[in-house]
C-alpha cells in the first residue's frame, strides 16, 4: 500500500469531488459529509506520505509510474520530502477551510465543496508530478477550480475582480505552453529528471533557445506566484473572494514558488554546466521588488483583505530573495517560513470573515436564509441556527487578531519570527550569491518588512476594535470557531514544538541540493506503477 501513497492525494479529492457533483447542490448534508470525509482521508494520506518519505532509506521514498511505462515516457509522480510537505500543507488548509465554510459560506452558491476538492487535486498533482507537461495540466485543473471559487457568492465587485484574475492567468498559461514547447524542442523531453541529465550536454547553438524557453516558463511561474510586476492582481482578487476561499488561495502563490525552487535547483542547479544558476539574478531582483511593493501596499491600504493579500506578496518576495542563494540552512528556514506565512495568512483571511471586512456591503450577497436551497437535506431551520450560532467575545477575537498580526509580521515570540531568524542568520554568512552585497540588502528588506507590516496591521486593528466603541460584537458559528481556533493553536504550538519540524526542513533542504539523488530515483528501475 505504501508504494501507492503518491497517487492517493490526487485520487481522493477527485473521487470526493465527483461524488459531490453526483449528490447535487441541494443535498447539503450529504455534500458536507463527503467534503469533510474526503478532506480527513486526504489529510491521513498526506501524513502517511510524509512519514513514509522521511523514514525511507535513501533520499526519495516513492516514484510512481502510471501504466508501468519507462520513466522517460511515463507520467511520473515523485514524492520527495518537499512534495510531501506541500501536499500536507494543502491538505491541512483544505480540511480547515472546508469545515469553516460548511455552516455559512458554502451556502452562498452551488458546488463549493466539489470545487475545493478539485482545487486540492490540482494542487497535489502539481506538487507530485515529475514532468513539465503534467505540471501544466495540474496547473490548469487548480486554476479552473479557483475560477469557480473566485466567483462563489456572485456580486459585481467579485465578478469584476474574477474576470481580471481569469484573463491574467489564461495569459500566464499561454506563456507556460510556449516555454514548455521551446524546452521540449531543444531537449526532446519534459521529464524533469531527464532534463537535469540532458541540459548540461545541450550544444552551445540551441542553448540560447533553451534559455529563452526557460525564461518564458519562469515568467509564467512568477505570474502565478504574484511576483512584481505581475502580481498586482492578487490583493484585489483575494479581497473580492469570500474569505474562506481566499484562505485556501493562500497556498496558490506557493505553487509558483515551488516550481521556481524545483526547476532552479534540479534542472538549473550547479551541475547544469553552462546553464548553472540560470536566471537567479533576475529572480533575486524580482524578489526584492516584490518585497518593496508588498510593503508599500500594506502601508497604503486599510481593509483587512487587501492587507493580507499584500502580506502574501511580501512572503513571496522574501522567499524568492532567499532561495536563489541555495544556502542549505537559509533554504531550510525559507521552507519553514513558507509554511508559517501561508498558514498565518489563511488564519487572517478566516478571521476577516468572522469580524466582517470593511466594505462587505459591496459584495451584494443575499442574506443567508435567502441563499439556501429549500430542499429536504439542505433546509436550514431555526433549530440549526440556534445550534451553531454563538456570541463571540471581543476579547477572544481581538486576541486572535493579535496572534495573526504577530505571525504575519514575523515578530517575536511566534514562529513567524523564528522562521525569519532561521532564514536570515545563515544568509548573512552565505557566499555573495548572484549579486555582491545582495544578501545584506535582502536581509535588511525582510527585517524592514516586519516592522512596516506590524505598523499596517496595528493600524487596521485600531480601526476595527477601537475606532467604533459602540460596534455590536459579531456572532460566530461553532463550525467557524473550531477550525479557526485549531489553526491558531497549532501555530502557537509551533513556537514551542519547533525542533522536529525544523529538522525536517533541514533534511528537505539537503535533499533539494542533491539533484543526483532525485535523478537516480526517477530514472532507476524502482518505483510503483
Protein backbone atom coordinates (compact mmCIF):
# COMPACT_ATOMS: atom_id res chain seq x y z
CA UNK A 1 0.00 0.00 0.00
CA UNK A 2 2.82 2.43 0.80
CA UNK A 3 4.03 2.18 -2.80
CA UNK A 4 0.76 3.77 -3.95
CA UNK A 5 0.71 6.64 -1.46
CA UNK A 6 1.98 9.05 -4.13
CA UNK A 7 -1.22 8.84 -6.17
CA UNK A 8 -3.70 8.92 -3.27
CA UNK A 9 -3.54 12.73 -2.75
CA UNK A 10 -4.73 13.07 -6.36
CA UNK A 11 -7.32 10.28 -6.45
CA UNK A 12 -9.01 11.04 -3.12
CA UNK A 13 -10.10 14.63 -3.90
CA UNK A 14 -11.01 13.59 -7.46
CA UNK A 15 -13.33 10.88 -6.12
CA UNK A 16 -14.78 13.13 -3.40
CA UNK A 17 -15.43 15.96 -5.86
CA UNK A 18 -17.09 13.62 -8.37
CA UNK A 19 -19.35 12.15 -5.67
CA UNK A 20 -20.37 15.64 -4.55
CA UNK A 21 -21.31 16.55 -8.10
CA UNK A 22 -23.43 13.40 -8.32
CA UNK A 23 -25.08 14.26 -4.99
CA UNK A 24 -26.28 17.55 -6.45
CA UNK A 25 -26.30 21.03 -4.98
CA UNK A 26 -29.49 20.58 -2.93
CA UNK A 27 -28.33 17.69 -0.72
CA UNK A 28 -26.37 19.92 1.62
CA UNK A 29 -25.79 17.48 4.44
CA UNK A 30 -24.60 14.73 2.11
CA UNK A 31 -22.32 17.18 0.34
CA UNK A 32 -20.93 18.41 3.67
CA UNK A 33 -20.28 14.85 4.83
CA UNK A 34 -18.49 13.98 1.60
CA UNK A 35 -16.42 17.17 1.75
CA UNK A 36 -15.30 16.64 5.34
CA UNK A 37 -14.77 12.91 4.87
CA UNK A 38 -12.70 13.47 1.73
CA UNK A 39 -10.56 16.10 3.47
CA UNK A 40 -9.98 13.88 6.52
CA UNK A 41 -8.92 10.94 4.32
CA UNK A 42 -6.68 13.26 2.31
CA UNK A 43 -5.02 14.54 5.48
CA UNK A 44 -4.42 10.97 6.68
CA UNK A 45 -2.90 10.06 3.31
CA UNK A 46 -0.72 13.21 3.35
CA UNK A 47 0.61 12.42 6.83
CA UNK A 48 1.30 8.81 5.81
CA UNK A 49 3.10 10.01 2.68
CA UNK A 50 5.28 12.46 4.62
CA UNK A 51 6.18 9.85 7.26
CA UNK A 52 6.92 7.25 4.58
CA UNK A 53 9.14 9.62 2.62
CA UNK A 54 11.01 10.84 5.68
CA UNK A 55 11.65 7.42 7.18
CA UNK A 56 12.59 5.62 3.98
CA UNK A 57 16.17 4.71 3.32
CA UNK A 58 17.78 6.86 0.66
CA UNK A 59 16.75 10.30 -0.48
CA UNK A 60 13.41 9.54 -2.11
CA UNK A 61 10.78 7.11 -0.92
CA UNK A 62 8.28 6.89 -3.74
CA UNK A 63 8.25 7.24 -7.51
CA UNK A 64 5.02 6.18 -9.21
CA UNK A 65 4.96 5.40 -12.93
CA UNK A 66 1.39 5.29 -14.26
CA UNK A 67 0.84 2.34 -16.58
CA UNK A 68 4.28 0.88 -15.79
CA UNK A 69 5.83 2.70 -18.73
CA UNK A 70 9.54 3.54 -18.62
CA UNK A 71 10.22 6.72 -16.67
CA UNK A 72 11.42 8.54 -19.78
CA UNK A 73 7.93 8.43 -21.35
CA UNK A 74 5.62 7.66 -18.41
CA UNK A 75 3.53 10.03 -16.36
CA UNK A 76 5.72 10.01 -13.26
CA UNK A 77 4.72 11.08 -9.78
CA UNK A 78 7.63 11.79 -7.46
CA UNK A 79 7.15 12.10 -3.71
CA UNK A 80 10.22 13.54 -2.05
CA UNK A 81 10.30 15.49 1.20
CA UNK A 82 9.41 18.83 -0.43
CA UNK A 83 6.45 17.39 -2.35
CA UNK A 84 5.18 15.58 0.75
CA UNK A 85 5.46 18.79 2.80
CA UNK A 86 3.46 20.80 0.28
CA UNK A 87 0.80 18.08 -0.03
CA UNK A 88 0.43 18.07 3.77
CA UNK A 89 0.15 21.87 3.82
CA UNK A 90 -2.57 21.90 1.15
CA UNK A 91 -4.42 19.07 2.93
CA UNK A 92 -4.42 20.96 6.24
CA UNK A 93 -5.77 24.08 4.57
CA UNK A 94 -8.35 22.05 2.68
CA UNK A 95 -9.75 20.46 5.85
CA UNK A 96 -9.79 23.69 7.86
CA UNK A 97 -11.39 25.82 5.15
CA UNK A 98 -13.94 23.15 4.29
CA UNK A 99 -15.00 22.87 7.93
CA UNK A 100 -15.11 26.66 8.22
CA UNK A 101 -17.28 27.02 5.10
CA UNK A 102 -19.96 24.41 5.78
CA UNK A 103 -22.21 26.40 8.13
CA UNK A 104 -22.37 29.59 6.10
CA UNK A 105 -20.01 30.31 3.22
CA UNK A 106 -20.63 27.13 1.21
CA UNK A 107 -24.33 28.07 1.11
CA UNK A 108 -23.75 31.26 -0.88
CA UNK A 109 -23.52 29.32 -4.14
CA UNK A 110 -23.50 25.81 -5.59
CA UNK A 111 -20.72 23.22 -5.51
CA UNK A 112 -18.31 24.97 -3.17
CA UNK A 113 -17.18 21.66 -1.68
CA UNK A 114 -16.65 20.00 -5.07
CA UNK A 115 -14.64 22.95 -6.37
CA UNK A 116 -12.44 22.83 -3.26
CA UNK A 117 -11.79 19.13 -3.85
CA UNK A 118 -10.79 19.72 -7.47
CA UNK A 119 -8.54 22.58 -6.33
CA UNK A 120 -6.85 20.18 -3.90
CA UNK A 121 -6.46 17.64 -6.68
CA UNK A 122 -4.73 20.22 -8.88
CA UNK A 123 -2.50 21.45 -6.06
CA UNK A 124 -1.39 17.98 -5.04
CA UNK A 125 -0.81 16.93 -8.63
CA UNK A 126 1.35 19.99 -9.25
CA UNK A 127 3.45 19.18 -6.18
CA UNK A 128 3.84 15.49 -7.06
CA UNK A 129 4.29 15.46 -10.82
CA UNK A 130 7.70 14.70 -12.27
CA UNK A 131 7.32 16.31 -15.69
CA UNK A 132 6.55 19.77 -17.02
CA UNK A 133 3.59 18.89 -19.22
CA UNK A 134 1.63 17.36 -16.37
CA UNK A 135 2.66 20.30 -14.23
CA UNK A 136 0.81 22.42 -16.81
CA UNK A 137 -2.19 20.05 -16.70
CA UNK A 138 -2.47 20.22 -12.91
CA UNK A 139 -1.96 23.99 -13.00
CA UNK A 140 -4.98 24.24 -15.28
CA UNK A 141 -7.06 21.96 -13.04
CA UNK A 142 -6.37 24.04 -9.95
CA UNK A 143 -6.91 27.28 -11.87
CA UNK A 144 -10.24 26.09 -13.30
CA UNK A 145 -11.42 25.24 -9.79
CA UNK A 146 -10.14 28.57 -8.47
CA UNK A 147 -12.17 30.45 -11.11
CA UNK A 148 -15.34 28.90 -9.69
CA UNK A 149 -14.29 29.65 -6.11
CA UNK A 150 -13.42 33.25 -7.01
CA UNK A 151 -16.96 33.74 -8.35
CA UNK A 152 -18.60 31.94 -5.42
CA UNK A 153 -21.30 34.17 -3.96
CA UNK A 154 -21.55 36.47 -7.02
CA UNK A 155 -21.72 40.26 -6.69
CA UNK A 156 -20.47 42.91 -9.12
CA UNK A 157 -17.22 43.57 -7.27
CA UNK A 158 -16.36 39.87 -7.15
CA UNK A 159 -17.19 39.28 -10.80
CA UNK A 160 -15.04 42.22 -11.93
CA UNK A 161 -12.02 41.06 -9.91
CA UNK A 162 -12.56 37.48 -11.08
CA UNK A 163 -12.53 38.45 -14.75
CA UNK A 164 -9.18 40.19 -14.30
CA UNK A 165 -7.86 37.16 -12.43
CA UNK A 166 -9.04 34.75 -15.13
CA UNK A 167 -7.66 36.77 -18.05
CA UNK A 168 -4.25 37.18 -16.42
CA UNK A 169 -3.96 33.50 -15.57
CA UNK A 170 -5.03 32.47 -19.06
CA UNK A 171 -2.21 34.65 -20.43
CA UNK A 172 0.21 33.01 -17.97
CA UNK A 173 -0.97 29.58 -19.13
CA UNK A 174 -0.21 30.55 -22.72
CA UNK A 175 3.30 31.57 -21.68
CA UNK A 176 3.62 28.26 -19.83
CA UNK A 177 2.81 26.35 -23.04
CA UNK A 178 5.23 28.43 -25.11
CA UNK A 179 8.04 27.85 -22.61
CA UNK A 180 7.34 24.12 -22.32
CA UNK A 181 7.19 23.71 -26.12
CA UNK A 182 10.50 25.50 -26.57
CA UNK A 183 12.24 23.39 -23.94
CA UNK A 184 10.85 20.21 -25.50
CA UNK A 185 12.03 21.28 -28.93
CA UNK A 186 15.61 21.66 -27.65
CA UNK A 187 15.88 18.69 -25.28
CA UNK A 188 13.30 16.21 -26.59
CA UNK A 189 11.81 15.59 -23.14
CA UNK A 190 9.73 17.24 -20.42
CA UNK A 191 10.62 14.80 -17.66
CA UNK A 192 12.38 16.93 -15.05
CA UNK A 193 14.92 14.27 -14.13
CA UNK A 194 15.80 13.73 -17.81
CA UNK A 195 16.03 17.49 -18.32
CA UNK A 196 18.53 17.70 -15.47
CA UNK A 197 20.53 14.95 -17.17
CA UNK A 198 20.41 16.38 -20.71
CA UNK A 199 20.75 20.14 -20.20
CA UNK A 200 24.48 20.03 -19.34
CA UNK A 201 25.08 18.43 -22.78
CA UNK A 202 22.99 20.84 -24.89
CA UNK A 203 25.22 22.31 -27.63
CA UNK A 204 26.10 26.00 -27.50
CA UNK A 205 23.94 26.85 -30.52
CA UNK A 206 20.50 25.79 -29.22
CA UNK A 207 21.35 26.70 -25.62
CA UNK A 208 20.15 30.26 -26.18
CA UNK A 209 16.78 28.92 -27.32
CA UNK A 210 16.68 26.69 -24.23
CA UNK A 211 17.31 29.70 -22.01
CA UNK A 212 14.61 31.68 -23.82
CA UNK A 213 12.10 28.89 -23.18
CA UNK A 214 13.15 28.67 -19.54
CA UNK A 215 12.78 32.46 -19.18
CA UNK A 216 9.25 32.38 -20.62
CA UNK A 217 8.39 29.49 -18.31
CA UNK A 218 9.82 31.45 -15.38
CA UNK A 219 7.60 34.41 -16.20
CA UNK A 220 4.57 32.11 -16.12
CA UNK A 221 5.61 30.83 -12.69
CA UNK A 222 6.17 34.35 -11.38
CA UNK A 223 2.72 35.42 -12.59
CA UNK A 224 1.18 32.57 -10.63
CA UNK A 225 3.35 33.43 -7.62
CA UNK A 226 2.08 37.06 -7.81
CA UNK A 227 5.61 38.47 -8.03
CA UNK A 228 6.22 42.06 -9.14
CA UNK A 229 5.46 43.45 -11.71
CA UNK A 230 2.91 40.73 -12.45
CA UNK A 231 1.30 40.40 -9.04
CA UNK A 232 -0.97 43.44 -8.77
CA UNK A 233 -3.97 41.20 -9.33
CA UNK A 234 -3.57 39.36 -6.01
CA UNK A 235 -4.68 41.85 -3.31
CA UNK A 236 -7.76 42.91 -5.26
CA UNK A 237 -8.75 39.38 -6.30
CA UNK A 238 -8.26 37.77 -2.89
CA UNK A 239 -10.05 40.64 -1.16
CA UNK A 240 -13.01 40.22 -3.51
CA UNK A 241 -13.29 36.46 -2.94
CA UNK A 242 -15.24 35.10 0.01
CA UNK A 243 -12.80 34.93 2.96
CA UNK A 244 -12.82 31.15 3.19
CA UNK A 245 -11.86 30.81 -0.50
CA UNK A 246 -9.13 33.44 -0.05
CA UNK A 247 -7.76 31.40 2.86
CA UNK A 248 -7.49 28.38 0.56
CA UNK A 249 -5.88 30.55 -2.12
CA UNK A 250 -3.08 31.45 0.33
CA UNK A 251 -1.21 28.35 -0.84
CA UNK A 252 -1.63 29.05 -4.55
CA UNK A 253 1.16 31.63 -4.71
CA UNK A 254 3.41 28.97 -3.18
CA UNK A 255 2.79 26.73 -6.20
CA UNK A 256 4.74 29.24 -8.29
CA UNK A 257 7.47 29.36 -5.62
CA UNK A 258 7.56 25.56 -5.58
CA UNK A 259 8.01 25.42 -9.36
CA UNK A 260 10.82 28.01 -9.29
CA UNK A 261 12.51 26.15 -6.44
CA UNK A 262 12.16 22.73 -8.05
CA UNK A 263 13.41 23.70 -11.51
CA UNK A 264 16.02 26.13 -10.22
CA UNK A 265 17.76 23.55 -8.02
CA UNK A 266 17.11 20.42 -10.08
CA UNK A 267 17.30 21.48 -13.73
CA UNK A 268 19.44 24.64 -13.46
CA UNK A 269 21.48 23.66 -10.42
CA UNK A 270 25.24 23.64 -10.03
CA UNK A 271 25.59 20.56 -12.28
CA UNK A 272 23.92 22.20 -15.29
CA UNK A 273 27.24 23.26 -16.88
CA UNK A 274 26.78 26.49 -18.86
CA UNK A 275 23.17 26.74 -17.67
CA UNK A 276 24.04 26.52 -13.96
CA UNK A 277 22.25 29.19 -11.95
CA UNK A 278 20.35 30.47 -14.97
CA UNK A 279 18.00 33.34 -14.08
CA UNK A 280 18.97 33.61 -10.42
CA UNK A 281 20.00 37.24 -10.72
CA UNK A 282 16.64 38.15 -12.27
CA UNK A 283 14.73 36.14 -9.67
CA UNK A 284 16.63 37.97 -6.93
CA UNK A 285 15.73 41.35 -8.47
CA UNK A 286 12.08 40.34 -8.80
CA UNK A 287 12.04 39.14 -5.19
CA UNK A 288 13.46 42.41 -3.89
CA UNK A 289 10.98 44.45 -5.95
CA UNK A 290 8.09 42.28 -4.74
CA UNK A 291 9.14 42.85 -1.13
CA UNK A 292 9.21 46.61 -1.63
CA UNK A 293 5.86 46.71 -3.44
CA UNK A 294 4.28 44.48 -0.79
CA UNK A 295 5.43 46.81 2.00
CA UNK A 296 4.19 49.91 0.15
CA UNK A 297 0.86 48.17 -0.50
CA UNK A 298 0.37 47.27 3.16
CA UNK A 299 1.01 50.86 4.20
CA UNK A 300 -1.35 52.19 1.52
CA UNK A 301 -4.47 50.15 2.32
CA UNK A 302 -6.54 49.66 5.44
CA UNK A 303 -9.10 46.94 4.76
CA UNK A 304 -8.09 43.56 6.14
CA UNK A 305 -8.48 41.54 2.96
CA UNK A 306 -6.09 43.65 0.92
CA UNK A 307 -3.65 43.89 3.82
CA UNK A 308 -3.49 40.11 3.91
CA UNK A 309 -3.06 39.98 0.14
CA UNK A 310 -0.08 42.32 0.29
CA UNK A 311 1.37 40.28 3.15
CA UNK A 312 1.33 37.28 0.81
CA UNK A 313 3.28 39.35 -1.73
CA UNK A 314 5.84 40.13 0.98
CA UNK A 315 6.23 36.42 1.72
CA UNK A 316 6.67 35.70 -1.99
CA UNK A 317 9.36 38.39 -2.26
CA UNK A 318 11.18 37.12 0.82
CA UNK A 319 11.18 33.55 -0.45
CA UNK A 320 12.40 34.50 -3.92
CA UNK A 321 15.09 36.69 -2.41
CA UNK A 322 16.45 33.92 -0.18
CA UNK A 323 16.16 30.69 -2.18
CA UNK A 324 18.38 31.98 -5.02
CA UNK A 325 21.39 31.78 -2.69
CA UNK A 326 20.95 27.97 -2.39
CA UNK A 327 22.44 28.04 1.11
CA UNK A 328 21.31 24.88 3.00
CA UNK A 329 20.35 26.45 6.35
CA UNK A 330 18.77 29.52 4.76
CA UNK A 331 16.82 27.23 2.43
CA UNK A 332 15.56 25.23 5.44
CA UNK A 333 14.49 28.48 7.09
CA UNK A 334 12.72 29.51 3.87
CA UNK A 335 10.71 26.29 3.82
CA UNK A 336 9.69 26.82 7.44
CA UNK A 337 8.75 30.43 6.65
CA UNK A 338 6.72 29.29 3.64
CA UNK A 339 4.61 27.04 5.86
CA UNK A 340 4.14 29.60 8.66
CA UNK A 341 3.39 32.54 6.34
CA UNK A 342 0.83 30.50 4.39
CA UNK A 343 -0.99 29.32 7.50
CA UNK A 344 -0.79 32.78 9.08
CA UNK A 345 -2.30 34.45 6.02
CA UNK A 346 -5.03 31.80 5.86
CA UNK A 347 -5.87 32.42 9.53
CA UNK A 348 -6.08 36.16 8.90
CA UNK A 349 -8.42 35.64 5.94
CA UNK A 350 -10.66 33.38 8.04
CA UNK A 351 -10.67 35.90 10.87
CA UNK A 352 -11.66 38.65 8.45
CA UNK A 353 -14.68 36.55 7.55
CA UNK A 354 -15.71 36.43 11.20
CA UNK A 355 -15.23 40.07 12.15
CA UNK A 356 -16.57 41.37 8.82
CA UNK A 357 -14.23 43.01 6.30
CA UNK A 358 -14.56 46.69 5.62
CA UNK A 359 -16.75 47.26 2.61
CA UNK A 360 -18.52 43.91 2.91
CA UNK A 361 -21.76 45.57 1.84
CA UNK A 362 -20.28 45.98 -1.64
CA UNK A 363 -20.46 42.24 -2.20
CA UNK A 364 -24.22 42.33 -2.71
CA UNK A 365 -24.55 38.88 -1.17
CA UNK A 366 -28.08 37.70 -0.39
CA UNK A 367 -28.98 37.14 3.25
CA UNK A 368 -28.03 33.69 4.43
CA UNK A 369 -31.54 32.26 4.64
CA UNK A 370 -32.37 33.54 1.14
CA UNK A 371 -29.24 31.97 -0.30
CA UNK A 372 -30.19 28.48 0.84
CA UNK A 373 -31.84 25.93 -1.37
CA UNK A 374 -35.01 24.73 0.34
CA UNK A 375 -34.54 21.04 -0.40
CA UNK A 376 -35.11 18.33 2.21
CA UNK A 377 -31.50 17.72 3.10
CA UNK A 378 -30.37 21.28 2.73
CA UNK A 379 -33.07 23.13 4.65
CA UNK A 380 -31.70 25.49 7.29
CA UNK A 381 -34.06 25.60 10.25
CA UNK A 382 -34.23 27.74 13.37
CA UNK A 383 -33.01 24.72 15.32
CA UNK A 384 -29.91 24.56 13.11
CA UNK A 385 -29.27 28.26 13.65
CA UNK A 386 -29.51 28.08 17.45
CA UNK A 387 -27.15 25.10 17.43
CA UNK A 388 -24.36 26.78 15.54
CA UNK A 389 -24.55 30.48 16.43
CA UNK A 390 -22.56 31.59 19.47
CA UNK A 391 -21.70 35.01 20.80
CA UNK A 392 -18.09 35.88 20.08
CA UNK A 393 -16.41 37.81 22.94
CA UNK A 394 -14.47 40.75 21.54
CA UNK A 395 -11.52 39.84 23.74
CA UNK A 396 -11.15 36.42 22.11
CA UNK A 397 -11.46 37.78 18.59
CA UNK A 398 -9.01 40.59 19.27
CA UNK A 399 -6.56 38.06 20.76
CA UNK A 400 -6.89 36.03 17.57
CA UNK A 401 -6.19 39.15 15.54
CA UNK A 402 -3.11 39.87 17.67
CA UNK A 403 -1.79 36.35 17.06
CA UNK A 404 -2.34 36.71 13.31
CA UNK A 405 -0.64 40.11 13.33
CA UNK A 406 2.46 38.79 15.08
CA UNK A 407 2.57 35.75 12.79
CA UNK A 408 2.21 37.64 9.53
CA UNK A 409 4.59 40.44 10.59
CA UNK A 410 7.14 37.91 11.84
CA UNK A 411 7.89 39.49 15.21
CA UNK A 412 8.73 37.71 18.50
CA UNK A 413 7.88 35.35 20.00
CA UNK A 414 5.76 33.47 17.46
CA UNK A 415 7.00 31.09 14.73
CA UNK A 416 6.94 33.79 12.04
CA UNK A 417 9.86 35.40 13.86
CA UNK A 418 11.65 32.08 14.32
CA UNK A 419 11.29 31.35 10.61
CA UNK A 420 12.77 34.71 9.63
CA UNK A 421 15.70 34.27 12.00
CA UNK A 422 16.28 30.80 10.54
CA UNK A 423 16.37 32.38 7.07
CA UNK A 424 18.44 35.44 7.80
CA UNK A 425 21.14 34.17 10.21
CA UNK A 426 22.73 31.75 7.70
CA UNK A 427 22.02 34.09 4.78
CA UNK A 428 24.27 36.78 6.23
CA UNK A 429 27.10 34.26 6.42
CA UNK A 430 26.50 32.78 2.96
CA UNK A 431 28.68 33.39 -0.13
CA UNK A 432 27.94 36.61 -2.06
CA UNK A 433 25.41 34.96 -4.36
CA UNK A 434 24.29 36.30 -7.77
CA UNK A 435 24.99 39.96 -6.85
CA UNK A 436 27.63 41.25 -4.37
CA UNK A 437 26.01 42.68 -1.25
CA UNK A 438 22.63 41.18 -2.17
CA UNK A 439 22.37 39.04 0.97
CA UNK A 440 22.69 42.08 3.24
CA UNK A 441 20.13 44.01 1.17
CA UNK A 442 17.61 41.16 1.22
CA UNK A 443 18.06 40.70 4.98
CA UNK A 444 17.53 44.43 5.60
CA UNK A 445 14.38 44.44 3.47
CA UNK A 446 12.93 41.40 5.23
CA UNK A 447 13.58 42.96 8.64
CA UNK A 448 12.08 46.26 7.46
CA UNK A 449 9.04 44.46 6.07
CA UNK A 450 8.35 43.02 9.52
CA UNK A 451 8.30 46.50 11.06
CA UNK A 452 6.07 48.02 8.38
CA UNK A 453 3.74 45.01 8.38
CA UNK A 454 3.34 45.38 12.13
CA UNK A 455 2.52 49.09 11.72
CA UNK A 456 -0.04 48.42 8.98
CA UNK A 457 -1.79 45.60 10.82
CA UNK A 458 -1.77 47.50 14.13
CA UNK A 459 -3.42 50.44 12.39
CA UNK A 460 -6.07 48.09 10.98
CA UNK A 461 -6.60 46.60 14.44
CA UNK A 462 -7.13 50.04 15.97
CA UNK A 463 -9.68 50.82 13.28
CA UNK A 464 -11.51 47.52 13.85
CA UNK A 465 -11.51 47.32 17.65
CA UNK A 466 -11.18 50.88 18.96
CA UNK A 467 -12.47 53.32 16.34
CA UNK A 468 -16.07 52.14 16.80
CA UNK A 469 -16.66 51.74 20.55
CA UNK A 470 -20.40 51.07 20.09
CA UNK A 471 -19.87 48.36 17.50
CA UNK A 472 -22.08 45.28 18.04
CA UNK A 473 -19.90 42.20 18.73
CA UNK A 474 -20.07 39.77 15.80
CA UNK A 475 -21.63 36.36 16.10
CA UNK A 476 -19.64 33.33 15.06
CA UNK A 477 -20.83 29.88 14.17
CA UNK A 478 -19.37 26.94 16.02
CA UNK A 479 -18.30 25.43 12.71
CA UNK A 480 -16.24 28.56 12.06
CA UNK A 481 -14.82 28.92 15.57
CA UNK A 482 -13.43 25.37 15.78
CA UNK A 483 -11.23 25.31 12.65
CA UNK A 484 -10.03 28.87 13.20
CA UNK A 485 -9.22 28.14 16.84
CA UNK A 486 -7.41 24.90 15.94
CA UNK A 487 -5.33 26.70 13.32
CA UNK A 488 -4.29 29.43 15.76
CA UNK A 489 -3.48 26.90 18.48
CA UNK A 490 -1.38 24.85 16.06
CA UNK A 491 0.56 27.95 15.04
CA UNK A 492 1.14 28.84 18.69
CA UNK A 493 2.38 25.30 19.37
CA UNK A 494 4.94 25.74 16.59
CA UNK A 495 6.61 28.31 18.83
CA UNK A 496 7.37 25.57 21.37
CA UNK A 497 7.45 22.40 19.27
CA UNK A 498 9.76 23.81 16.63
CA UNK A 499 12.74 21.45 16.67
CA UNK A 500 11.16 18.45 14.93
CA UNK A 501 9.55 20.47 12.10
CA UNK A 502 12.73 22.42 11.52
CA UNK A 503 14.82 19.23 11.43
CA UNK A 504 12.51 18.03 8.68
CA UNK A 505 13.06 21.29 6.79
CA UNK A 506 16.81 20.82 7.09
CA UNK A 507 16.58 17.31 5.64
CA UNK A 508 14.37 18.64 2.85
CA UNK A 509 16.83 21.42 2.01
CA UNK A 510 19.73 18.95 1.94
CA UNK A 511 17.76 16.73 -0.41
CA UNK A 512 16.97 19.61 -2.76
CA UNK A 513 20.65 20.47 -3.03
CA UNK A 514 21.49 16.90 -4.13
CA UNK A 515 19.73 16.65 -7.52
CA UNK A 516 21.58 13.46 -8.50
CA UNK A 517 19.58 11.55 -5.90
CA UNK A 518 16.32 12.75 -7.48
CA UNK A 519 17.54 11.79 -10.95
CA UNK A 520 18.59 8.31 -9.87
CA UNK A 521 15.30 7.70 -8.07
CA UNK A 522 13.18 8.72 -11.08
CA UNK A 523 15.22 7.12 -13.87
CA UNK A 524 16.09 3.95 -11.97
CA UNK A 525 14.17 0.72 -12.23
CA UNK A 526 12.40 1.16 -8.92
CA UNK A 527 9.06 2.74 -8.25
CA UNK A 528 5.45 1.63 -8.18
CA UNK A 529 3.08 1.53 -11.12
